[in-house]
PDB file of N, CA and C in Angstrom:
ATOM      1  N   MET A   1      17.843 -11.169   2.833  1.00  0.00           N
ATOM      2  CA  MET A   1      16.414 -10.821   3.230  1.00  0.00           C
ATOM      3  C   MET A   1      15.458 -11.580   2.343  1.00  0.00           C
ATOM      4  N   SER A   2      14.370 -11.841   2.771  1.00  0.00           N
ATOM      5  CA  SER A   2      13.382 -12.554   2.138  1.00  0.00           C
ATOM      6  C   SER A   2      12.375 -11.672   1.418  1.00  0.00           C
ATOM      7  N   ALA A   3      11.498 -12.008   0.705  1.00  0.00           N
ATOM      8  CA  ALA A   3      10.321 -11.179   0.174  1.00  0.00           C
ATOM      9  C   ALA A   3       8.959 -11.318   0.393  1.00  0.00           C
ATOM     10  N   VAL A   4       8.131 -10.582   0.512  1.00  0.00           N
ATOM     11  CA  VAL A   4       6.836 -10.682   0.828  1.00  0.00           C
ATOM     12  C   VAL A   4       6.086 -10.323  -0.522  1.00  0.00           C
ATOM     13  N   VAL A   5       5.314 -10.988  -0.997  1.00  0.00           N
ATOM     14  CA  VAL A   5       4.524 -10.667  -2.505  1.00  0.00           C
ATOM     15  C   VAL A   5       3.194 -10.614  -1.950  1.00  0.00           C
ATOM     16  N   MET A   6       2.763  -9.438  -2.409  1.00  0.00           N
ATOM     17  CA  MET A   6       1.373  -9.035  -2.089  1.00  0.00           C
ATOM     18  C   MET A   6       0.581  -8.520  -3.437  1.00  0.00           C
ATOM     19  N   LEU A   7      -0.404  -9.164  -3.681  1.00  0.00           N
ATOM     20  CA  LEU A   7      -1.353  -8.725  -4.752  1.00  0.00           C
ATOM     21  C   LEU A   7      -1.890  -7.298  -4.547  1.00  0.00           C
ATOM     22  N   PHE A   8      -1.499  -6.372  -5.399  1.00  0.00           N
ATOM     23  CA  PHE A   8      -1.920  -4.963  -5.174  1.00  0.00           C
ATOM     24  C   PHE A   8      -2.729  -4.733  -6.530  1.00  0.00           C
ATOM     25  N   PRO A   9      -3.940  -4.159  -6.565  1.00  0.00           N
ATOM     26  CA  PRO A   9      -4.628  -3.869  -7.808  1.00  0.00           C
ATOM     27  C   PRO A   9      -4.369  -2.382  -8.335  1.00  0.00           C
ATOM     28  N   THR A  10      -3.044  -2.261  -8.787  1.00  0.00           N
ATOM     29  CA  THR A  10      -2.571  -0.733  -9.083  1.00  0.00           C
ATOM     30  C   THR A  10      -2.188  -0.802 -10.607  1.00  0.00           C
ATOM     31  N   PRO A  11      -2.156   0.379 -11.205  1.00  0.00           N
ATOM     32  CA  PRO A  11      -1.880   0.435 -12.531  1.00  0.00           C
ATOM     33  C   PRO A  11      -0.339  -0.165 -12.805  1.00  0.00           C
ATOM     34  N   SER A  12       0.014  -0.579 -13.748  1.00  0.00           N
ATOM     35  CA  SER A  12       1.369  -0.966 -14.218  1.00  0.00           C
ATOM     36  C   SER A  12       2.270   0.337 -14.185  1.00  0.00           C
ATOM     37  N   ALA A  13       3.570  -0.044 -13.860  1.00  0.00           N
ATOM     38  CA  ALA A  13       4.598   1.052 -13.898  1.00  0.00           C
ATOM     39  C   ALA A  13       4.556   1.897 -15.189  1.00  0.00           C
ATOM     40  N   SER A  14       4.287   1.294 -16.266  1.00  0.00           N
ATOM     41  CA  SER A  14       4.325   2.087 -17.452  1.00  0.00           C
ATOM     42  C   SER A  14       3.150   2.944 -17.675  1.00  0.00           C
ATOM     43  N   THR A  15       2.034   2.845 -16.722  1.00  0.00           N
ATOM     44  CA  THR A  15       1.037   3.714 -16.898  1.00  0.00           C
ATOM     45  C   THR A  15       0.970   4.877 -15.694  1.00  0.00           C
ATOM     46  N   LEU A  16       1.953   4.589 -14.827  1.00  0.00           N
ATOM     47  CA  LEU A  16       2.162   5.869 -13.841  1.00  0.00           C
ATOM     48  C   LEU A  16       2.703   6.948 -14.441  1.00  0.00           C
ATOM     49  N   SER A  17       2.237   8.302 -13.933  1.00  0.00           N
ATOM     50  CA  SER A  17       2.517   9.331 -14.404  1.00  0.00           C
ATOM     51  C   SER A  17       2.577  10.301 -12.989  1.00  0.00           C
ATOM     52  N   ALA A  18       3.278  11.511 -13.188  1.00  0.00           N
ATOM     53  CA  ALA A  18       3.321  12.302 -12.018  1.00  0.00           C
ATOM     54  C   ALA A  18       1.777  12.666 -11.548  1.00  0.00           C
ATOM     55  N   GLU A  19       0.770  12.629 -12.259  1.00  0.00           N
ATOM     56  CA  GLU A  19      -0.448  12.772 -11.595  1.00  0.00           C
ATOM     57  C   GLU A  19      -0.965  11.574 -11.041  1.00  0.00           C
ATOM     58  N   THR A  20      -0.812  10.232 -11.616  1.00  0.00           N
ATOM     59  CA  THR A  20      -1.295   9.245 -10.947  1.00  0.00           C
ATOM     60  C   THR A  20      -0.396   8.658  -9.938  1.00  0.00           C
ATOM     61  N   ASP A  21       0.730   9.082  -9.904  1.00  0.00           N
ATOM     62  CA  ASP A  21       1.871   8.706  -9.005  1.00  0.00           C
ATOM     63  C   ASP A  21       1.511   9.388  -7.424  1.00  0.00           C
ATOM     64  N   ARG A  22       0.667  10.104  -7.455  1.00  0.00           N
ATOM     65  CA  ARG A  22       0.267  10.857  -6.205  1.00  0.00           C
ATOM     66  C   ARG A  22      -0.577   9.750  -5.272  1.00  0.00           C
ATOM     67  N   PRO A  23      -0.078   9.814  -4.224  1.00  0.00           N
ATOM     68  CA  PRO A  23      -0.840   8.965  -3.279  1.00  0.00           C
ATOM     69  C   PRO A  23      -2.327   9.218  -2.992  1.00  0.00           C
ATOM     70  N   SER A  24      -3.071   8.001  -2.901  1.00  0.00           N
ATOM     71  CA  SER A  24      -4.553   8.260  -2.741  1.00  0.00           C
ATOM     72  C   SER A  24      -4.893   8.902  -1.395  1.00  0.00           C
ATOM     73  N   CYS A  25      -4.031   8.777  -0.376  1.00  0.00           N
ATOM     74  CA  CYS A  25      -4.216   9.343   0.951  1.00  0.00           C
ATOM     75  C   CYS A  25      -4.332  10.794   1.011  1.00  0.00           C
ATOM     76  N   ALA A  26      -3.666  11.465  -0.138  1.00  0.00           N
ATOM     77  CA  ALA A  26      -3.418  12.960  -0.315  1.00  0.00           C
ATOM     78  C   ALA A  26      -4.712  13.761  -0.366  1.00  0.00           C
ATOM     79  N   GLU A  27      -5.719  12.912  -0.872  1.00  0.00           N
ATOM     80  CA  GLU A  27      -7.053  13.547  -1.106  1.00  0.00           C
ATOM     81  C   GLU A  27      -8.053  13.344   0.196  1.00  0.00           C
ATOM     82  N   HIS A  28      -7.587  12.691   1.244  1.00  0.00           N
ATOM     83  CA  HIS A  28      -8.396  12.627   2.475  1.00  0.00           C
ATOM     84  C   HIS A  28      -7.918  12.980   3.550  1.00  0.00           C
ATOM     85  N   ASP A  29      -8.589  12.966   4.703  1.00  0.00           N
ATOM     86  CA  ASP A  29      -8.283  13.336   5.986  1.00  0.00           C
ATOM     87  C   ASP A  29      -6.974  12.629   6.404  1.00  0.00           C
ATOM     88  N   PRO A  30      -6.007  13.348   6.632  1.00  0.00           N
ATOM     89  CA  PRO A  30      -4.825  12.518   7.314  1.00  0.00           C
ATOM     90  C   PRO A  30      -4.903  11.818   8.671  1.00  0.00           C
ATOM     91  N   ASP A  31      -5.918  12.344   9.500  1.00  0.00           N
ATOM     92  CA  ASP A  31      -6.211  11.628  10.774  1.00  0.00           C
ATOM     93  C   ASP A  31      -6.720  10.143  10.525  1.00  0.00           C
ATOM     94  N   TRP A  32      -7.306   9.863   9.310  1.00  0.00           N
ATOM     95  CA  TRP A  32      -7.821   8.509   9.178  1.00  0.00           C
ATOM     96  C   TRP A  32      -6.703   7.510   9.437  1.00  0.00           C
ATOM     97  N   TRP A  33      -5.477   7.915   8.956  1.00  0.00           N
ATOM     98  CA  TRP A  33      -4.442   6.856   8.840  1.00  0.00           C
ATOM     99  C   TRP A  33      -3.605   6.734  10.260  1.00  0.00           C
ATOM    100  N   PHE A  34      -4.269   7.567  11.225  1.00  0.00           N
ATOM    101  CA  PHE A  34      -3.536   7.470  12.498  1.00  0.00           C
ATOM    102  C   PHE A  34      -4.545   7.301  13.733  1.00  0.00           C
ATOM    103  N   ASP A  35      -5.622   7.467  13.314  1.00  0.00           N
ATOM    104  CA  ASP A  35      -7.039   7.232  14.512  1.00  0.00           C
ATOM    105  C   ASP A  35      -7.420   5.721  14.185  1.00  0.00           C
ATOM    106  N   GLU A  36      -7.410   4.967  15.240  1.00  0.00           N
ATOM    107  CA  GLU A  36      -7.448   3.613  15.162  1.00  0.00           C
ATOM    108  C   GLU A  36      -9.068   3.329  14.780  1.00  0.00           C
ATOM    109  N   ALA A  37      -9.947   4.323  14.986  1.00  0.00           N
ATOM    110  CA  ALA A  37     -11.262   4.125  14.730  1.00  0.00           C
ATOM    111  C   ALA A  37     -11.498   4.500  13.346  1.00  0.00           C
ATOM    112  N   SER A  38     -10.682   5.110  12.643  1.00  0.00           N
ATOM    113  CA  SER A  38     -10.797   5.375  11.084  1.00  0.00           C
ATOM    114  C   SER A  38      -9.738   4.412  10.427  1.00  0.00           C
ATOM    115  N   PHE A  39      -9.153   3.587  11.010  1.00  0.00           N
ATOM    116  CA  PHE A  39      -8.422   2.651  10.000  1.00  0.00           C
ATOM    117  C   PHE A  39      -9.097   1.791   8.958  1.00  0.00           C
ATOM    118  N   ASP A  40     -10.398   1.587   9.165  1.00  0.00           N
ATOM    119  CA  ASP A  40     -11.080   1.012   7.953  1.00  0.00           C
ATOM    120  C   ASP A  40     -11.311   1.741   6.758  1.00  0.00           C
ATOM    121  N   ARG A  41     -11.573   3.051   7.028  1.00  0.00           N
ATOM    122  CA  ARG A  41     -11.631   3.922   5.966  1.00  0.00           C
ATOM    123  C   ARG A  41     -10.224   4.172   5.263  1.00  0.00           C
ATOM    124  N   ALA A  42      -9.218   4.188   6.143  1.00  0.00           N
ATOM    125  CA  ALA A  42      -7.846   4.496   5.576  1.00  0.00           C
ATOM    126  C   ALA A  42      -7.370   3.312   4.603  1.00  0.00           C
ATOM    127  N   VAL A  43      -7.700   1.916   5.076  1.00  0.00           N
ATOM    128  CA  VAL A  43      -7.311   0.795   4.406  1.00  0.00           C
ATOM    129  C   VAL A  43      -8.092   0.745   3.100  1.00  0.00           C
ATOM    130  N   GLU A  44      -9.367   0.958   3.163  1.00  0.00           N
ATOM    131  CA  GLU A  44      -9.967   1.175   1.809  1.00  0.00           C
ATOM    132  C   GLU A  44      -9.504   1.943   0.907  1.00  0.00           C
ATOM    133  N   VAL A  45      -8.969   3.244   1.229  1.00  0.00           N
ATOM    134  CA  VAL A  45      -8.613   4.327   0.315  1.00  0.00           C
ATOM    135  C   VAL A  45      -7.256   3.453  -0.382  1.00  0.00           C
ATOM    136  N   CYS A  46      -6.586   2.857   0.404  1.00  0.00           N
ATOM    137  CA  CYS A  46      -5.232   2.438   0.099  1.00  0.00           C
ATOM    138  C   CYS A  46      -5.376   1.371  -0.862  1.00  0.00           C
ATOM    139  N   ARG A  47      -6.439   0.620  -0.918  1.00  0.00           N
ATOM    140  CA  ARG A  47      -6.529  -0.547  -1.855  1.00  0.00           C
ATOM    141  C   ARG A  47      -6.274  -0.305  -3.265  1.00  0.00           C
ATOM    142  N   THR A  48      -6.615   0.958  -3.651  1.00  0.00           N
ATOM    143  CA  THR A  48      -6.508   1.254  -4.985  1.00  0.00           C
ATOM    144  C   THR A  48      -5.262   2.341  -5.371  1.00  0.00           C
ATOM    145  N   CYS A  49      -4.537   2.499  -4.301  1.00  0.00           N
ATOM    146  CA  CYS A  49      -3.370   3.580  -4.457  1.00  0.00           C
ATOM    147  C   CYS A  49      -2.298   3.064  -5.151  1.00  0.00           C
ATOM    148  N   PRO A  50      -1.861   4.025  -6.253  1.00  0.00           N
ATOM    149  CA  PRO A  50      -0.865   3.643  -7.233  1.00  0.00           C
ATOM    150  C   PRO A  50       0.544   3.455  -6.512  1.00  0.00           C
ATOM    151  N   VAL A  51       0.803   4.019  -5.352  1.00  0.00           N
ATOM    152  CA  VAL A  51       1.986   3.997  -4.834  1.00  0.00           C
ATOM    153  C   VAL A  51       1.939   3.209  -3.582  1.00  0.00           C
ATOM    154  N   ARG A  52       0.992   2.119  -3.313  1.00  0.00           N
ATOM    155  CA  ARG A  52       0.793   1.546  -1.943  1.00  0.00           C
ATOM    156  C   ARG A  52       2.075   0.545  -1.884  1.00  0.00           C
ATOM    157  N   ALA A  53       2.648  -0.015  -2.822  1.00  0.00           N
ATOM    158  CA  ALA A  53       3.668  -0.945  -2.485  1.00  0.00           C
ATOM    159  C   ALA A  53       4.902  -0.272  -1.798  1.00  0.00           C
ATOM    160  N   ARG A  54       5.173   0.916  -2.684  1.00  0.00           N
ATOM    161  CA  ARG A  54       6.251   1.668  -2.149  1.00  0.00           C
ATOM    162  C   ARG A  54       6.025   2.405  -0.561  1.00  0.00           C
ATOM    163  N   CYS A  55       4.830   2.706  -0.525  1.00  0.00           N
ATOM    164  CA  CYS A  55       4.464   3.119   1.056  1.00  0.00           C
ATOM    165  C   CYS A  55       4.588   2.115   2.066  1.00  0.00           C
ATOM    166  N   LEU A  56       4.106   0.900   1.744  1.00  0.00           N
ATOM    167  CA  LEU A  56       4.376  -0.235   2.741  1.00  0.00           C
ATOM    168  C   LEU A  56       5.761  -0.461   2.767  1.00  0.00           C
ATOM    169  N   ASN A  57       6.569  -0.625   1.733  1.00  0.00           N
ATOM    170  CA  ASN A  57       7.897  -0.923   1.811  1.00  0.00           C
ATOM    171  C   ASN A  57       8.768   0.110   2.545  1.00  0.00           C
ATOM    172  N   GLU A  58       8.380   1.307   2.392  1.00  0.00           N
ATOM    173  CA  GLU A  58       9.188   2.375   3.245  1.00  0.00           C
ATOM    174  C   GLU A  58       8.619   2.347   4.666  1.00  0.00           C
ATOM    175  N   ALA A  59       7.465   2.095   5.010  1.00  0.00           N
ATOM    176  CA  ALA A  59       7.117   1.952   6.303  1.00  0.00           C
ATOM    177  C   ALA A  59       7.705   0.897   7.070  1.00  0.00           C
ATOM    178  N   LEU A  60       8.001  -0.240   6.425  1.00  0.00           N
ATOM    179  CA  LEU A  60       8.571  -1.451   6.928  1.00  0.00           C
ATOM    180  C   LEU A  60      10.117  -1.165   7.242  1.00  0.00           C
ATOM    181  N   ASN A  61      10.636  -0.575   6.201  1.00  0.00           N
ATOM    182  CA  ASN A  61      12.191  -0.433   6.189  1.00  0.00           C
ATOM    183  C   ASN A  61      12.334   0.718   7.280  1.00  0.00           C
ATOM    184  N   ALA A  62      11.414   1.592   7.519  1.00  0.00           N
ATOM    185  CA  ALA A  62      11.690   2.604   8.611  1.00  0.00           C
ATOM    186  C   ALA A  62      11.086   2.118  10.057  1.00  0.00           C
ATOM    187  N   GLY A  63      10.648   1.013   9.982  1.00  0.00           N
ATOM    188  CA  GLY A  63      10.132   0.524  11.442  1.00  0.00           C
ATOM    189  C   GLY A  63       8.849   1.197  11.865  1.00  0.00           C
ATOM    190  N   GLU A  64       8.139   1.672  10.879  1.00  0.00           N
ATOM    191  CA  GLU A  64       6.948   2.443  11.361  1.00  0.00           C
ATOM    192  C   GLU A  64       5.859   1.754  12.286  1.00  0.00           C
ATOM    193  N   THR A  65       5.480   2.222  13.467  1.00  0.00           N
ATOM    194  CA  THR A  65       4.757   1.322  14.295  1.00  0.00           C
ATOM    195  C   THR A  65       3.263   2.127  14.520  1.00  0.00           C
ATOM    196  N   LEU A  66       3.282   3.215  13.964  1.00  0.00           N
ATOM    197  CA  LEU A  66       1.873   3.967  13.998  1.00  0.00           C
ATOM    198  C   LEU A  66       1.263   4.250  12.904  1.00  0.00           C
ATOM    199  N   GLY A  67      -0.020   3.985  12.785  1.00  0.00           N
ATOM    200  CA  GLY A  67      -0.889   4.305  11.578  1.00  0.00           C
ATOM    201  C   GLY A  67      -0.873   3.334  10.558  1.00  0.00           C
ATOM    202  N   VAL A  68      -1.773   3.441   9.580  1.00  0.00           N
ATOM    203  CA  VAL A  68      -1.877   2.757   8.345  1.00  0.00           C
ATOM    204  C   VAL A  68      -0.861   3.137   7.295  1.00  0.00           C
ATOM    205  N   TRP A  69      -0.202   2.204   6.794  1.00  0.00           N
ATOM    206  CA  TRP A  69       0.812   2.317   5.869  1.00  0.00           C
ATOM    207  C   TRP A  69       0.737   1.370   4.742  1.00  0.00           C
ATOM    208  N   GLY A  70       0.512   1.882   3.532  1.00  0.00           N
ATOM    209  CA  GLY A  70       0.387   0.669   2.492  1.00  0.00           C
ATOM    210  C   GLY A  70      -0.852  -0.184   2.608  1.00  0.00           C
ATOM    211  N   GLY A  71      -1.810   0.217   3.185  1.00  0.00           N
ATOM    212  CA  GLY A  71      -3.002  -0.537   3.462  1.00  0.00           C
ATOM    213  C   GLY A  71      -2.996  -1.480   4.651  1.00  0.00           C
ATOM    214  N   LEU A  72      -1.838  -1.387   5.403  1.00  0.00           N
ATOM    215  CA  LEU A  72      -1.808  -2.396   6.586  1.00  0.00           C
ATOM    216  C   LEU A  72      -1.726  -1.592   7.773  1.00  0.00           C
ATOM    217  N   THR A  73      -2.415  -2.057   8.820  1.00  0.00           N
ATOM    218  CA  THR A  73      -2.486  -1.643  10.209  1.00  0.00           C
ATOM    219  C   THR A  73      -1.258  -1.873  10.854  1.00  0.00           C
ATOM    220  N   PRO A  74      -1.067  -1.268  11.862  1.00  0.00           N
ATOM    221  CA  PRO A  74       0.414  -1.520  12.780  1.00  0.00           C
ATOM    222  C   PRO A  74       0.306  -3.005  13.219  1.00  0.00           C
ATOM    223  N   ALA A  75      -0.949  -3.496  13.600  1.00  0.00           N
ATOM    224  CA  ALA A  75      -0.745  -5.148  13.916  1.00  0.00           C
ATOM    225  C   ALA A  75      -0.528  -5.982  12.617  1.00  0.00           C
ATOM    226  N   GLN A  76      -0.930  -5.541  11.607  1.00  0.00           N
ATOM    227  CA  GLN A  76      -0.747  -6.357  10.315  1.00  0.00           C
ATOM    228  C   GLN A  76       0.649  -6.311   9.845  1.00  0.00           C
ATOM    229  N   ARG A  77       1.288  -4.876   9.934  1.00  0.00           N
ATOM    230  CA  ARG A  77       2.538  -4.995   9.766  1.00  0.00           C
ATOM    231  C   ARG A  77       3.579  -5.636  10.535  1.00  0.00           C
ATOM    232  N   ALA A  78       3.231  -5.578  11.926  1.00  0.00           N
ATOM    233  CA  ALA A  78       3.925  -6.341  12.909  1.00  0.00           C
ATOM    234  C   ALA A  78       4.102  -7.756  12.646  1.00  0.00           C
ATOM    235  N   ALA A  79       2.922  -8.455  11.974  1.00  0.00           N
ATOM    236  CA  ALA A  79       2.935  -9.805  11.784  1.00  0.00           C
ATOM    237  C   ALA A  79       3.640 -10.315  10.652  1.00  0.00           C
ATOM    238  N   LEU A  80       4.140  -9.110   9.814  1.00  0.00           N
ATOM    239  CA  LEU A  80       4.971  -9.659   8.589  1.00  0.00           C
ATOM    240  C   LEU A  80       6.210  -9.792   8.895  1.00  0.00           C
ATOM    241  N   PRO A  81       6.839 -11.003   8.289  1.00  0.00           N
ATOM    242  CA  PRO A  81       8.507 -11.210   8.444  1.00  0.00           C
ATOM    243  C   PRO A  81       9.114 -10.134   7.947  1.00  0.00           C
ATOM    244  N   ALA A  82      10.603  -9.789   8.324  1.00  0.00           N
ATOM    245  CA  ALA A  82      11.280  -8.903   7.911  1.00  0.00           C
ATOM    246  C   ALA A  82      11.711  -9.339   6.366  1.00  0.00           C
ATOM    247  N   ALA A  83      11.100  -8.220   5.424  1.00  0.00           N
ATOM    248  CA  ALA A  83      11.270  -8.570   4.084  1.00  0.00           C
ATOM    249  C   ALA A  83      10.841  -7.329   3.245  1.00  0.00           C
ATOM    250  N   ASP A  84      11.334  -7.467   1.822  1.00  0.00           N
ATOM    251  CA  ASP A  84      10.862  -6.478   0.924  1.00  0.00           C
ATOM    252  C   ASP A  84       9.575  -6.646   0.600  1.00  0.00           C
ATOM    253  N   VAL A  85       8.791  -5.789   0.101  1.00  0.00           N
ATOM    254  CA  VAL A  85       7.632  -5.911  -0.469  1.00  0.00           C
ATOM    255  C   VAL A  85       7.557  -5.815  -2.111  1.00  0.00           C
ATOM    256  N   LEU A  86       7.191  -6.936  -2.691  1.00  0.00           N
ATOM    257  CA  LEU A  86       7.270  -6.945  -4.305  1.00  0.00           C
ATOM    258  C   LEU A  86       5.784  -7.126  -4.694  1.00  0.00           C
ATOM    259  N   PRO A  87       5.219  -6.161  -5.250  1.00  0.00           N
ATOM    260  CA  PRO A  87       3.931  -6.048  -5.855  1.00  0.00           C
ATOM    261  C   PRO A  87       3.841  -7.051  -6.927  1.00  0.00           C
ATOM    262  N   LEU A  88       2.781  -8.067  -6.929  1.00  0.00           N
ATOM    263  CA  LEU A  88       2.504  -8.946  -7.807  1.00  0.00           C
ATOM    264  C   LEU A  88       1.212  -8.439  -8.448  1.00  0.00           C
ATOM    265  N   ARG A  89       1.433  -8.325  -9.835  1.00  0.00           N
ATOM    266  CA  ARG A  89       0.167  -7.881 -10.670  1.00  0.00           C
ATOM    267  C   ARG A  89      -0.670  -9.143 -11.344  1.00  0.00           C
ATOM    268  N   ARG A  90      -1.836  -9.027 -11.262  1.00  0.00           N
ATOM    269  CA  ARG A  90      -2.695 -10.188 -12.022  1.00  0.00           C
ATOM    270  C   ARG A  90      -2.314  -9.913 -13.409  1.00  0.00           C
ATOM    271  N   PRO A  91      -2.073 -11.117 -14.148  1.00  0.00           N
ATOM    272  CA  PRO A  91      -1.613 -10.839 -15.674  1.00  0.00           C
ATOM    273  C   PRO A  91      -3.132 -10.332 -16.081  1.00  0.00           C
ATOM    274  N   THR A  92      -3.043  -9.734 -17.364  1.00  0.00           N
ATOM    275  CA  THR A  92      -4.229  -9.283 -18.155  1.00  0.00           C
ATOM    276  C   THR A  92      -4.322 -10.106 -19.282  1.00  0.00           C
ATOM    277  N   HIS A  93      -5.529 -10.755 -19.198  1.00  0.00           N
ATOM    278  CA  HIS A  93      -5.977 -11.921 -20.172  1.00  0.00           C
ATOM    279  C   HIS A  93      -6.828 -11.166 -21.447  1.00  0.00           C
ATOM    280  N   ARG A  94      -6.525 -11.462 -22.560  1.00  0.00           N
ATOM    281  CA  ARG A  94      -7.484 -10.993 -23.511  1.00  0.00           C
ATOM    282  C   ARG A  94      -8.140 -12.123 -24.232  1.00  0.00           C
ATOM    283  N   ARG A  95      -9.406 -11.879 -24.311  1.00  0.00           N
ATOM    284  CA  ARG A  95     -10.210 -12.843 -24.874  1.00  0.00           C
ATOM    285  C   ARG A  95     -10.286 -12.631 -26.555  1.00  0.00           C
ATOM    286  N   ARG A  96     -10.279 -13.449 -27.194  1.00  0.00           N
ATOM    287  CA  ARG A  96     -10.255 -13.507 -28.625  1.00  0.00           C
ATOM    288  C   ARG A  96     -11.604 -13.744 -29.129  1.00  0.00           C
TER     289      ARG A  96
END
């Protein structure tokens, strides 16, 4: 199986804790993720979710065809090749 690499602006794995590992969607109306008229709001919430890559990967593996998962709509997920999601993090640069 190939891999899809997506840049997600999430904390590094070392900074995740039980509190930050909670999905961002847990704080919002669950209907946003399944009502097509609300997809834009759902996608915006997903952009900074600390578990976005895991959510998307699980949706892809399960063949989920409804709702926003991992910040992608059903059409966006359908357009992806069959692959695992590997989050690519921007390197942090320190200025001296």
